[in-house]
Amino acid sequence: MDEFKTVITSEEKSVGKSFYIAAIVLIVATFGFIFSSIQSASGGAAFGGFLSFIFALTFYVIGSFQNKKYKQLGETPLTLIPSYCSTGSKTNGSILIKRKQFNRVKELSLICWKARDSSGDGTSCWDIVWETTIIPNIEFSKSRTMLNFEFTIPEGTTPTHERFLSTNKYHWEIGFEFVEKMDALKRTWKIPVKTQ
């Protein structure tokens, strides 16, 4: 990889796969419950197997739906130059969309999220602590569209901080959203932000 640039895949690329993996885990659990109910003739194990199968089916359907939504727009890699964002310095970005004359995206969002403990039990929810919009320059070439843009993350804002056990997590993301064929399509990319 070029040390002066980085290519980032969108967060939505893995959403459908995550549901598929959960479905597979639950199918394995279903077989475990079935085996247990055969061994012990237990109605409770059979009921557990039934519930596990229903959840596996639900996760599979959700995964299929998310995968279908992702494929409507396809891969949309984000390239950053330089390879990470420094607060107070200009960063250039480009998003490749493999569609001809695609002009549905008029603006991008740049957001800093902070995790907080929502209930005192370790469950986190995310709040927006800083945000702005970016107007991209749209370039068409053959069967592709490129969204080119530049942005500066202001000095004094918090850099990326996502340590696993930390309660003070921050992450930055670039994203856009539009509606097509009655579906709200969204793309987001987590971007690395450091202080100078």
Protein backbone atom coordinates (compact mmCIF):
# COMPACT_ATOMS: atom_id res chain seq x y z
CA MET A 1 0.00 0.00 0.00
CA ASP A 2 1.23 3.47 -0.81
CA GLU A 3 2.23 5.14 2.47
CA PHE A 4 0.86 8.46 1.21
CA LYS A 5 -2.67 7.20 0.61
CA THR A 6 -5.09 4.64 1.99
CA VAL A 7 -8.14 2.92 0.51
CA ILE A 8 -11.03 2.31 2.91
CA THR A 9 -14.03 0.05 2.28
CA SER A 10 -17.46 1.14 3.46
CA GLU A 11 -18.91 -0.11 6.73
CA GLU A 12 -21.98 -1.42 4.88
CA LYS A 13 -19.89 -4.01 3.03
CA SER A 14 -19.77 -6.25 6.11
CA VAL A 15 -23.29 -5.77 7.51
CA GLY A 16 -24.95 -8.56 5.51
CA LYS A 17 -22.01 -10.90 6.17
CA SER A 18 -22.32 -10.33 9.92
CA PHE A 19 -25.96 -11.46 9.84
CA TYR A 20 -25.01 -14.51 7.75
CA ILE A 21 -22.34 -15.48 10.31
CA ALA A 22 -24.85 -15.10 13.16
CA ALA A 23 -27.30 -17.30 11.21
CA ILE A 24 -24.64 -20.01 10.77
CA VAL A 25 -23.80 -19.94 14.50
CA LEU A 26 -27.50 -20.31 15.35
CA ILE A 27 -27.93 -23.19 12.87
CA VAL A 28 -25.05 -25.00 14.62
CA ALA A 29 -26.78 -24.32 17.95
CA THR A 30 -30.02 -25.70 16.47
CA PHE A 31 -28.29 -28.99 15.64
CA GLY A 32 -26.90 -29.04 19.18
CA PHE A 33 -30.38 -28.63 20.64
CA ILE A 34 -31.77 -31.32 18.32
CA PHE A 35 -29.02 -33.75 19.33
CA SER A 36 -29.63 -32.96 23.00
CA SER A 37 -33.38 -33.49 22.69
CA ILE A 38 -32.82 -36.88 20.97
CA GLN A 39 -30.40 -37.97 23.70
CA SER A 40 -32.55 -36.90 26.64
CA ALA A 41 -36.05 -36.80 25.09
CA SER A 42 -36.36 -33.31 26.53
CA GLY A 43 -39.09 -31.00 25.33
CA GLY A 44 -37.10 -28.00 26.56
CA ALA A 45 -34.19 -28.81 24.25
CA ALA A 46 -36.57 -29.26 21.31
CA PHE A 47 -38.15 -25.88 22.05
CA GLY A 48 -34.67 -24.31 22.31
CA GLY A 49 -33.83 -25.82 18.93
CA PHE A 50 -37.02 -24.40 17.43
CA LEU A 51 -36.27 -20.90 18.77
CA SER A 52 -32.68 -21.10 17.58
CA PHE A 53 -33.85 -22.09 14.09
CA ILE A 54 -36.36 -19.19 13.96
CA PHE A 55 -33.65 -16.70 14.94
CA ALA A 56 -31.24 -18.22 12.40
CA LEU A 57 -33.87 -17.84 9.68
CA THR A 58 -34.57 -14.24 10.74
CA PHE A 59 -30.88 -13.32 10.67
CA TYR A 60 -30.49 -14.97 7.26
CA VAL A 61 -33.41 -12.93 5.84
CA ILE A 62 -32.03 -9.69 7.32
CA GLY A 63 -28.57 -10.51 5.94
CA SER A 64 -30.05 -11.13 2.47
CA PHE A 65 -31.91 -7.82 2.61
CA GLN A 66 -28.78 -5.91 3.68
CA ASN A 67 -26.68 -7.65 1.02
CA LYS A 68 -29.23 -6.74 -1.66
CA LYS A 69 -29.19 -3.09 -0.53
CA TYR A 70 -25.39 -3.05 -0.63
CA LYS A 71 -25.30 -4.48 -4.15
CA GLN A 72 -27.62 -1.74 -5.46
CA LEU A 73 -24.66 0.63 -5.34
CA GLY A 74 -21.84 -1.93 -5.11
CA GLU A 75 -18.34 -1.32 -3.87
CA THR A 76 -17.54 2.31 -3.19
CA PRO A 77 -13.93 2.59 -2.02
CA LEU A 78 -12.79 5.81 -0.35
CA THR A 79 -9.21 6.94 -1.01
CA LEU A 80 -7.56 9.40 1.39
CA ILE A 81 -4.40 11.38 0.68
CA PRO A 82 -2.45 11.45 2.96
CA SER A 83 -3.17 8.02 4.47
CA TYR A 84 -4.61 9.50 7.68
CA CYS A 85 -6.15 12.84 8.63
CA SER A 86 -4.23 15.25 10.82
CA THR A 87 -6.17 17.87 12.75
CA GLY A 88 -5.56 21.30 11.24
CA SER A 89 -4.25 19.90 7.93
CA LYS A 90 -5.98 19.51 4.60
CA THR A 91 -6.93 15.98 3.49
CA ASN A 92 -7.98 15.03 -0.04
CA GLY A 93 -10.53 12.29 -0.58
CA SER A 94 -12.22 10.54 -3.46
CA ILE A 95 -15.04 8.01 -3.61
CA LEU A 96 -15.32 5.73 -6.63
CA ILE A 97 -18.85 4.78 -7.70
CA LYS A 98 -19.06 2.25 -10.51
CA ARG A 99 -22.01 3.91 -12.21
CA LYS A 100 -22.20 6.05 -15.29
CA GLN A 101 -23.25 9.70 -14.80
CA PHE A 102 -24.16 9.13 -11.14
CA ASN A 103 -25.16 12.47 -9.62
CA ARG A 104 -27.45 11.52 -6.73
CA VAL A 105 -24.98 12.53 -4.01
CA LYS A 106 -24.91 16.30 -3.54
CA GLU A 107 -23.10 16.43 -0.19
CA LEU A 108 -21.09 14.29 2.21
CA SER A 109 -21.21 14.34 5.99
CA LEU A 110 -18.13 14.40 8.20
CA ILE A 111 -18.95 13.37 11.77
CA CYS A 112 -17.09 12.73 15.01
CA TRP A 113 -18.88 10.21 17.25
CA LYS A 114 -18.31 9.67 20.97
CA ALA A 115 -19.37 6.56 22.89
CA ARG A 116 -21.04 6.96 26.25
CA ASP A 117 -22.36 4.51 28.81
CA SER A 118 -26.12 4.81 28.34
CA SER A 119 -27.36 2.89 31.37
CA GLY A 120 -24.48 2.24 33.75
CA ASP A 121 -24.28 -1.41 32.70
CA GLY A 122 -21.49 -1.00 30.14
CA THR A 123 -23.82 -0.64 27.15
CA SER A 124 -22.61 2.13 24.84
CA CYS A 125 -24.52 4.47 22.63
CA TRP A 126 -22.94 6.99 20.29
CA ASP A 127 -23.44 10.78 20.26
CA ILE A 128 -22.37 13.27 17.61
CA VAL A 129 -19.83 15.70 19.09
CA TRP A 130 -18.82 17.49 15.88
CA GLU A 131 -20.10 17.50 12.31
CA THR A 132 -19.98 19.36 9.04
CA THR A 133 -20.92 18.84 5.41
CA ILE A 134 -18.64 18.64 2.37
CA ILE A 135 -19.69 19.45 -1.20
CA PRO A 136 -17.93 17.03 -3.57
CA ASN A 137 -16.72 17.80 -7.07
CA ILE A 138 -18.33 15.15 -9.31
CA GLU A 139 -16.32 13.79 -12.26
CA PHE A 140 -17.69 11.38 -14.86
CA SER A 141 -15.52 9.02 -16.90
CA LYS A 142 -16.83 6.13 -19.03
CA SER A 143 -18.89 3.92 -16.71
CA ARG A 144 -17.59 5.44 -13.47
CA THR A 145 -18.28 8.43 -11.28
CA MET A 146 -15.72 9.95 -8.92
CA LEU A 147 -16.64 12.16 -5.98
CA ASN A 148 -13.57 14.30 -5.24
CA PHE A 149 -13.40 16.49 -2.16
CA GLU A 150 -11.13 18.03 0.42
CA PHE A 151 -11.64 18.79 4.07
CA THR A 152 -9.83 19.96 7.18
CA ILE A 153 -10.58 18.62 10.64
CA PRO A 154 -10.16 21.59 12.98
CA GLU A 155 -7.45 21.72 15.60
CA GLY A 156 -8.74 21.07 19.09
CA THR A 157 -11.08 18.27 18.03
CA THR A 158 -10.55 14.79 19.44
CA PRO A 159 -8.64 12.25 17.32
CA THR A 160 -9.73 8.65 16.78
CA HIS A 161 -9.65 6.72 20.05
CA GLU A 162 -11.21 3.26 20.06
CA ARG A 163 -9.42 1.16 22.67
CA PHE A 164 -11.51 -1.90 23.47
CA LEU A 165 -12.04 -1.35 27.22
CA SER A 166 -12.06 2.44 27.09
CA THR A 167 -15.26 4.26 28.01
CA ASN A 168 -14.04 7.35 26.16
CA LYS A 169 -14.15 6.16 22.54
CA TYR A 170 -14.20 8.49 19.55
CA HIS A 171 -14.41 7.67 15.88
CA TRP A 172 -14.68 9.76 12.73
CA GLU A 173 -16.72 8.92 9.68
CA ILE A 174 -17.48 10.25 6.23
CA GLY A 175 -20.82 9.29 4.73
CA PHE A 176 -23.66 10.00 2.35
CA GLU A 177 -27.27 8.94 1.95
CA PHE A 178 -29.79 9.05 -0.89
CA VAL A 179 -33.07 7.42 -1.89
CA GLU A 180 -33.35 5.11 -4.90
CA LYS A 181 -36.33 2.93 -5.84
CA MET A 182 -37.96 3.68 -2.48
CA ASP A 183 -34.86 2.42 -0.61
CA ALA A 184 -32.71 4.66 1.56
CA LEU A 185 -29.14 3.80 0.55
CA LYS A 186 -26.28 4.79 2.80
CA ARG A 187 -22.50 4.55 2.74
CA THR A 188 -20.18 5.33 5.66
CA TRP A 189 -16.40 5.03 6.04
CA LYS A 190 -14.46 5.18 9.29
CA ILE A 191 -11.45 7.41 8.82
CA PRO A 192 -8.28 7.58 10.95
CA VAL A 193 -7.72 10.97 12.60
CA LYS A 194 -4.56 11.96 14.49
CA THR A 195 -3.29 15.14 16.08
CA GLN A 196 -0.32 16.79 14.42
